[in-house]
Amino acid sequence: MLLVSLWLFVGARVIGYPFTEPSGDAHLTEILVGVVVLLVAVARLVHPRGRMSDILVLVGGAWLIVAPFLFGYGDTEATDAARVNDVTVGSLLVLLAALSLALTVRTQSRARERADR
C-alpha cells in the first residue's frame, strides 16, 4: 500500500499528463486517495490489520475506478493516460483491500474458534 500511495503522488509526473483541466481533476483525485492510503498504510505499521482500514482502502480504490467516468477527464492522450492509471491503480487497491479483508475475517474467526475451545 505504501508503494501504491507513492505512485499516486508521482504517477502523473511519470506518465506526463498535464496539471490543467480536466487532467487536474485526475491529479487531485489521485492525491486525495494517495493521502488516505498513505495514512492507512502507516497506521497499519503500528496496528497490523483491521476491517476499517481495509474498507477505507477499498472505498478509495473504488473511487479511483469511477472518478474518470464521473468527472469526464476528457478525450486527449493525456486524459486517456490518467483514466487508465486511475482505473488500474483503483483496481489494485480494491484487490489488495479485498484480500486483506478476507485474511482479517479468517484470522478473527480462527481466533474465536480457539477461544471457544
N, C-alpha and C. Protein backbone atom coordinates (compact mmCIF):
# COMPACT_ATOMS: atom_id res chain seq x y z
N MET A 1 0.82 -1.19 0.00
CA MET A 1 0.00 0.00 0.00
C MET A 1 0.86 1.26 0.00
N LEU A 2 2.00 1.17 0.68
CA LEU A 2 2.89 2.33 0.67
C LEU A 2 3.35 2.64 -0.75
N LEU A 3 3.70 1.61 -1.51
CA LEU A 3 4.15 1.82 -2.89
C LEU A 3 3.03 2.38 -3.77
N VAL A 4 1.82 1.89 -3.56
CA VAL A 4 0.69 2.39 -4.35
C VAL A 4 0.43 3.85 -4.02
N SER A 5 0.50 4.20 -2.74
CA SER A 5 0.26 5.61 -2.38
C SER A 5 1.35 6.51 -2.96
N LEU A 6 2.58 6.04 -2.94
CA LEU A 6 3.65 6.84 -3.54
C LEU A 6 3.44 7.01 -5.04
N TRP A 7 2.97 5.94 -5.71
CA TRP A 7 2.69 6.05 -7.13
C TRP A 7 1.59 7.08 -7.39
N LEU A 8 0.59 7.14 -6.52
CA LEU A 8 -0.47 8.12 -6.70
C LEU A 8 0.06 9.55 -6.61
N PHE A 9 1.11 9.76 -5.83
CA PHE A 9 1.69 11.09 -5.73
C PHE A 9 2.55 11.45 -6.94
N VAL A 10 3.29 10.49 -7.48
CA VAL A 10 4.24 10.80 -8.55
C VAL A 10 3.82 10.30 -9.93
N GLY A 11 2.79 9.48 -9.99
CA GLY A 11 2.38 8.87 -11.26
C GLY A 11 2.06 9.87 -12.36
N ALA A 12 1.41 10.96 -12.00
CA ALA A 12 1.04 11.96 -13.02
C ALA A 12 2.28 12.55 -13.67
N ARG A 13 3.31 12.77 -12.90
CA ARG A 13 4.55 13.33 -13.45
C ARG A 13 5.29 12.29 -14.29
N VAL A 14 5.29 11.04 -13.84
CA VAL A 14 5.97 9.98 -14.57
C VAL A 14 5.27 9.72 -15.90
N ILE A 15 3.94 9.63 -15.84
CA ILE A 15 3.17 9.39 -17.06
C ILE A 15 3.18 10.61 -17.96
N GLY A 16 3.16 11.78 -17.34
CA GLY A 16 3.30 13.03 -18.10
C GLY A 16 2.01 13.70 -18.51
N TYR A 17 0.93 13.47 -17.76
CA TYR A 17 -0.24 14.24 -18.13
C TYR A 17 -0.23 15.59 -17.44
N PRO A 18 -0.77 16.61 -18.12
CA PRO A 18 -0.66 17.99 -17.63
C PRO A 18 -1.54 18.23 -16.41
N PHE A 19 -1.23 19.28 -15.69
CA PHE A 19 -2.00 19.63 -14.50
C PHE A 19 -2.99 20.75 -14.82
N THR A 20 -3.69 20.58 -15.91
CA THR A 20 -4.72 21.53 -16.31
C THR A 20 -6.06 20.79 -16.33
N GLU A 21 -7.13 21.54 -16.48
CA GLU A 21 -8.45 20.90 -16.56
C GLU A 21 -8.53 20.09 -17.83
N PRO A 22 -9.10 18.94 -17.86
CA PRO A 22 -9.64 18.13 -16.78
C PRO A 22 -8.63 17.20 -16.13
N SER A 23 -7.38 17.20 -16.62
CA SER A 23 -6.36 16.33 -16.01
C SER A 23 -6.07 16.73 -14.57
N GLY A 24 -6.30 17.99 -14.25
CA GLY A 24 -6.12 18.45 -12.88
C GLY A 24 -7.06 17.74 -11.92
N ASP A 25 -8.28 17.45 -12.39
CA ASP A 25 -9.22 16.70 -11.56
C ASP A 25 -8.68 15.30 -11.27
N ALA A 26 -8.06 14.70 -12.27
CA ALA A 26 -7.48 13.37 -12.09
C ALA A 26 -6.37 13.42 -11.05
N HIS A 27 -5.51 14.41 -11.16
CA HIS A 27 -4.40 14.50 -10.22
C HIS A 27 -4.88 14.80 -8.81
N LEU A 28 -5.86 15.67 -8.66
CA LEU A 28 -6.41 15.96 -7.34
C LEU A 28 -7.02 14.71 -6.72
N THR A 29 -7.75 13.95 -7.51
CA THR A 29 -8.33 12.70 -7.02
C THR A 29 -7.24 11.74 -6.58
N GLU A 30 -6.19 11.63 -7.37
CA GLU A 30 -5.09 10.73 -7.03
C GLU A 30 -4.39 11.17 -5.75
N ILE A 31 -4.19 12.47 -5.59
CA ILE A 31 -3.53 12.98 -4.38
C ILE A 31 -4.38 12.70 -3.14
N LEU A 32 -5.68 12.95 -3.23
CA LEU A 32 -6.56 12.72 -2.07
C LEU A 32 -6.60 11.25 -1.68
N VAL A 33 -6.76 10.37 -2.67
CA VAL A 33 -6.77 8.93 -2.37
C VAL A 33 -5.39 8.51 -1.89
N GLY A 34 -4.34 9.06 -2.47
CA GLY A 34 -2.98 8.74 -2.04
C GLY A 34 -2.73 9.09 -0.58
N VAL A 35 -3.25 10.23 -0.14
CA VAL A 35 -3.10 10.62 1.26
C VAL A 35 -3.82 9.62 2.18
N VAL A 36 -5.03 9.25 1.81
CA VAL A 36 -5.79 8.29 2.62
C VAL A 36 -5.05 6.95 2.69
N VAL A 37 -4.61 6.46 1.54
CA VAL A 37 -3.92 5.16 1.51
C VAL A 37 -2.60 5.24 2.27
N LEU A 38 -1.88 6.34 2.16
CA LEU A 38 -0.63 6.50 2.89
C LEU A 38 -0.87 6.50 4.40
N LEU A 39 -1.88 7.23 4.84
CA LEU A 39 -2.19 7.26 6.27
C LEU A 39 -2.61 5.89 6.79
N VAL A 40 -3.40 5.17 6.00
CA VAL A 40 -3.81 3.82 6.40
C VAL A 40 -2.59 2.90 6.45
N ALA A 41 -1.73 2.99 5.45
CA ALA A 41 -0.54 2.13 5.41
C ALA A 41 0.37 2.39 6.60
N VAL A 42 0.57 3.66 6.94
CA VAL A 42 1.42 4.00 8.08
C VAL A 42 0.76 3.52 9.38
N ALA A 43 -0.55 3.70 9.48
CA ALA A 43 -1.26 3.23 10.68
C ALA A 43 -1.16 1.71 10.82
N ARG A 44 -1.16 1.02 9.68
CA ARG A 44 -1.08 -0.44 9.73
C ARG A 44 0.31 -0.93 10.12
N LEU A 45 1.31 -0.08 10.04
CA LEU A 45 2.63 -0.47 10.54
C LEU A 45 2.60 -0.60 12.06
N VAL A 46 1.72 0.19 12.69
CA VAL A 46 1.58 0.15 14.14
C VAL A 46 0.58 -0.93 14.56
N HIS A 47 -0.55 -0.97 13.89
CA HIS A 47 -1.62 -1.95 14.17
C HIS A 47 -1.84 -2.74 12.88
N PRO A 48 -1.36 -3.97 12.81
CA PRO A 48 -1.28 -4.70 11.54
C PRO A 48 -2.54 -4.79 10.70
N ARG A 49 -3.67 -5.12 11.26
CA ARG A 49 -4.83 -5.33 10.42
C ARG A 49 -6.09 -4.85 11.11
N GLY A 50 -7.02 -4.39 10.31
CA GLY A 50 -8.31 -4.00 10.83
C GLY A 50 -9.30 -3.82 9.70
N ARG A 51 -10.53 -4.13 9.99
CA ARG A 51 -11.56 -4.04 8.95
C ARG A 51 -11.73 -2.61 8.44
N MET A 52 -11.68 -1.63 9.33
CA MET A 52 -11.91 -0.26 8.91
C MET A 52 -10.84 0.21 7.93
N SER A 53 -9.61 -0.14 8.17
CA SER A 53 -8.55 0.28 7.25
C SER A 53 -8.74 -0.38 5.89
N ASP A 54 -9.15 -1.64 5.88
CA ASP A 54 -9.41 -2.32 4.62
C ASP A 54 -10.58 -1.68 3.87
N ILE A 55 -11.60 -1.30 4.61
CA ILE A 55 -12.77 -0.68 3.99
C ILE A 55 -12.40 0.69 3.42
N LEU A 56 -11.57 1.45 4.14
CA LEU A 56 -11.14 2.76 3.62
C LEU A 56 -10.35 2.61 2.32
N VAL A 57 -9.46 1.65 2.27
CA VAL A 57 -8.68 1.43 1.05
C VAL A 57 -9.58 0.93 -0.07
N LEU A 58 -10.52 0.06 0.24
CA LEU A 58 -11.46 -0.44 -0.76
C LEU A 58 -12.30 0.71 -1.34
N VAL A 59 -12.78 1.59 -0.50
CA VAL A 59 -13.56 2.74 -0.97
C VAL A 59 -12.69 3.68 -1.80
N GLY A 60 -11.46 3.91 -1.37
CA GLY A 60 -10.54 4.74 -2.15
C GLY A 60 -10.27 4.15 -3.52
N GLY A 61 -10.06 2.85 -3.58
CA GLY A 61 -9.85 2.19 -4.86
C GLY A 61 -11.07 2.26 -5.75
N ALA A 62 -12.24 2.03 -5.16
CA ALA A 62 -13.48 2.12 -5.95
C ALA A 62 -13.67 3.54 -6.47
N TRP A 63 -13.33 4.53 -5.66
CA TRP A 63 -13.45 5.92 -6.10
C TRP A 63 -12.54 6.20 -7.30
N LEU A 64 -11.32 5.68 -7.24
CA LEU A 64 -10.41 5.87 -8.38
C LEU A 64 -10.96 5.22 -9.65
N ILE A 65 -11.65 4.12 -9.51
CA ILE A 65 -12.21 3.43 -10.67
C ILE A 65 -13.34 4.25 -11.30
N VAL A 66 -14.20 4.82 -10.48
CA VAL A 66 -15.37 5.53 -11.02
C VAL A 66 -15.11 7.00 -11.32
N ALA A 67 -14.09 7.60 -10.70
CA ALA A 67 -13.83 9.03 -10.87
C ALA A 67 -13.64 9.47 -12.32
N PRO A 68 -12.90 8.73 -13.15
CA PRO A 68 -12.73 9.19 -14.54
C PRO A 68 -14.06 9.29 -15.30
N PHE A 69 -14.99 8.45 -14.94
CA PHE A 69 -16.28 8.45 -15.63
C PHE A 69 -17.23 9.49 -15.05
N LEU A 70 -17.10 9.76 -13.75
CA LEU A 70 -17.94 10.79 -13.13
C LEU A 70 -17.49 12.19 -13.51
N PHE A 71 -16.16 12.41 -13.52
CA PHE A 71 -15.63 13.73 -13.82
C PHE A 71 -15.44 13.96 -15.31
N GLY A 72 -15.44 12.90 -16.11
CA GLY A 72 -15.22 13.07 -17.54
C GLY A 72 -13.90 13.74 -17.83
N TYR A 73 -12.82 13.03 -17.62
CA TYR A 73 -11.48 13.59 -17.75
C TYR A 73 -11.19 14.20 -19.12
N GLY A 74 -11.93 13.83 -20.14
CA GLY A 74 -11.70 14.38 -21.48
C GLY A 74 -11.26 13.31 -22.45
N ASP A 75 -10.95 13.74 -23.68
CA ASP A 75 -10.63 12.78 -24.73
C ASP A 75 -9.28 13.05 -25.39
N THR A 76 -8.28 13.38 -24.61
CA THR A 76 -6.95 13.58 -25.17
C THR A 76 -6.06 12.41 -24.74
N GLU A 77 -4.88 12.33 -25.30
CA GLU A 77 -3.96 11.26 -24.91
C GLU A 77 -3.60 11.36 -23.44
N ALA A 78 -3.42 12.58 -22.97
CA ALA A 78 -3.06 12.79 -21.57
C ALA A 78 -4.18 12.33 -20.65
N THR A 79 -5.40 12.64 -20.99
CA THR A 79 -6.51 12.23 -20.12
C THR A 79 -6.78 10.74 -20.25
N ASP A 80 -6.49 10.17 -21.41
CA ASP A 80 -6.59 8.71 -21.53
C ASP A 80 -5.60 8.03 -20.60
N ALA A 81 -4.39 8.59 -20.52
CA ALA A 81 -3.38 8.04 -19.61
C ALA A 81 -3.83 8.17 -18.17
N ALA A 82 -4.43 9.30 -17.82
CA ALA A 82 -4.95 9.49 -16.46
C ALA A 82 -6.06 8.51 -16.16
N ARG A 83 -6.93 8.29 -17.12
CA ARG A 83 -8.05 7.36 -16.94
C ARG A 83 -7.53 5.93 -16.72
N VAL A 84 -6.61 5.50 -17.55
CA VAL A 84 -6.05 4.15 -17.42
C VAL A 84 -5.31 4.01 -16.10
N ASN A 85 -4.55 5.01 -15.72
CA ASN A 85 -3.83 4.99 -14.45
C ASN A 85 -4.79 4.86 -13.29
N ASP A 86 -5.83 5.67 -13.27
CA ASP A 86 -6.78 5.64 -12.15
C ASP A 86 -7.52 4.30 -12.06
N VAL A 87 -7.97 3.79 -13.18
CA VAL A 87 -8.69 2.51 -13.16
C VAL A 87 -7.76 1.37 -12.74
N THR A 88 -6.52 1.39 -13.23
CA THR A 88 -5.57 0.34 -12.88
C THR A 88 -5.20 0.38 -11.41
N VAL A 89 -4.84 1.56 -10.92
CA VAL A 89 -4.45 1.69 -9.51
C VAL A 89 -5.66 1.43 -8.61
N GLY A 90 -6.83 1.91 -9.00
CA GLY A 90 -8.03 1.66 -8.22
C GLY A 90 -8.34 0.17 -8.13
N SER A 91 -8.19 -0.54 -9.23
CA SER A 91 -8.43 -1.98 -9.23
C SER A 91 -7.44 -2.70 -8.33
N LEU A 92 -6.18 -2.26 -8.36
CA LEU A 92 -5.17 -2.85 -7.50
C LEU A 92 -5.50 -2.61 -6.03
N LEU A 93 -5.94 -1.41 -5.70
CA LEU A 93 -6.31 -1.11 -4.31
C LEU A 93 -7.52 -1.93 -3.86
N VAL A 94 -8.50 -2.07 -4.73
CA VAL A 94 -9.67 -2.89 -4.39
C VAL A 94 -9.24 -4.34 -4.16
N LEU A 95 -8.38 -4.87 -5.01
CA LEU A 95 -7.90 -6.24 -4.87
C LEU A 95 -7.12 -6.41 -3.56
N LEU A 96 -6.20 -5.49 -3.28
CA LEU A 96 -5.42 -5.58 -2.04
C LEU A 96 -6.31 -5.48 -0.80
N ALA A 97 -7.27 -4.57 -0.84
CA ALA A 97 -8.17 -4.40 0.31
C ALA A 97 -9.05 -5.63 0.50
N ALA A 98 -9.54 -6.20 -0.60
CA ALA A 98 -10.40 -7.39 -0.51
C ALA A 98 -9.61 -8.57 0.05
N LEU A 99 -8.37 -8.75 -0.42
CA LEU A 99 -7.54 -9.84 0.11
C LEU A 99 -7.24 -9.63 1.59
N SER A 100 -6.91 -8.42 1.97
CA SER A 100 -6.62 -8.12 3.36
C SER A 100 -7.86 -8.31 4.24
N LEU A 101 -9.00 -7.88 3.73
CA LEU A 101 -10.25 -8.06 4.48
C LEU A 101 -10.56 -9.54 4.66
N ALA A 102 -10.35 -10.33 3.62
CA ALA A 102 -10.58 -11.78 3.73
C ALA A 102 -9.63 -12.41 4.75
N LEU A 103 -8.37 -11.98 4.76
CA LEU A 103 -7.42 -12.50 5.74
C LEU A 103 -7.80 -12.08 7.16
N THR A 104 -8.27 -10.86 7.30
CA THR A 104 -8.68 -10.38 8.62
C THR A 104 -9.86 -11.19 9.15
N VAL A 105 -10.85 -11.41 8.32
CA VAL A 105 -12.02 -12.19 8.73
C VAL A 105 -11.61 -13.61 9.09
N ARG A 106 -10.75 -14.20 8.27
CA ARG A 106 -10.31 -15.57 8.51
C ARG A 106 -9.52 -15.66 9.82
N THR A 107 -8.63 -14.72 10.05
CA THR A 107 -7.83 -14.71 11.28
C THR A 107 -8.72 -14.53 12.50
N GLN A 108 -9.68 -13.64 12.41
CA GLN A 108 -10.57 -13.40 13.55
C GLN A 108 -11.46 -14.61 13.84
N SER A 109 -11.91 -15.29 12.79
CA SER A 109 -12.76 -16.47 13.02
C SER A 109 -11.95 -17.61 13.63
N ARG A 110 -10.70 -17.75 13.22
CA ARG A 110 -9.84 -18.78 13.84
C ARG A 110 -9.56 -18.45 15.29
N ALA A 111 -9.37 -17.17 15.60
CA ALA A 111 -9.13 -16.77 16.98
C ALA A 111 -10.35 -17.06 17.84
N ARG A 112 -11.54 -16.83 17.30
CA ARG A 112 -12.77 -17.13 18.04
C ARG A 112 -12.91 -18.63 18.28
N GLU A 113 -12.55 -19.44 17.28
CA GLU A 113 -12.63 -20.90 17.44
C GLU A 113 -11.68 -21.37 18.55
N ARG A 114 -10.50 -20.80 18.60
CA ARG A 114 -9.54 -21.18 19.66
C ARG A 114 -10.04 -20.74 21.02
N ALA A 115 -10.66 -19.56 21.07
CA ALA A 115 -11.19 -19.07 22.36
C ALA A 115 -12.36 -19.93 22.83
N ASP A 116 -13.13 -20.47 21.92
CA ASP A 116 -14.28 -21.30 22.29
C ASP A 116 -13.86 -22.67 22.82
N ARG A 117 -12.67 -23.10 22.50
CA ARG A 117 -12.20 -24.43 22.95
C ARG A 117 -11.87 -24.41 24.38
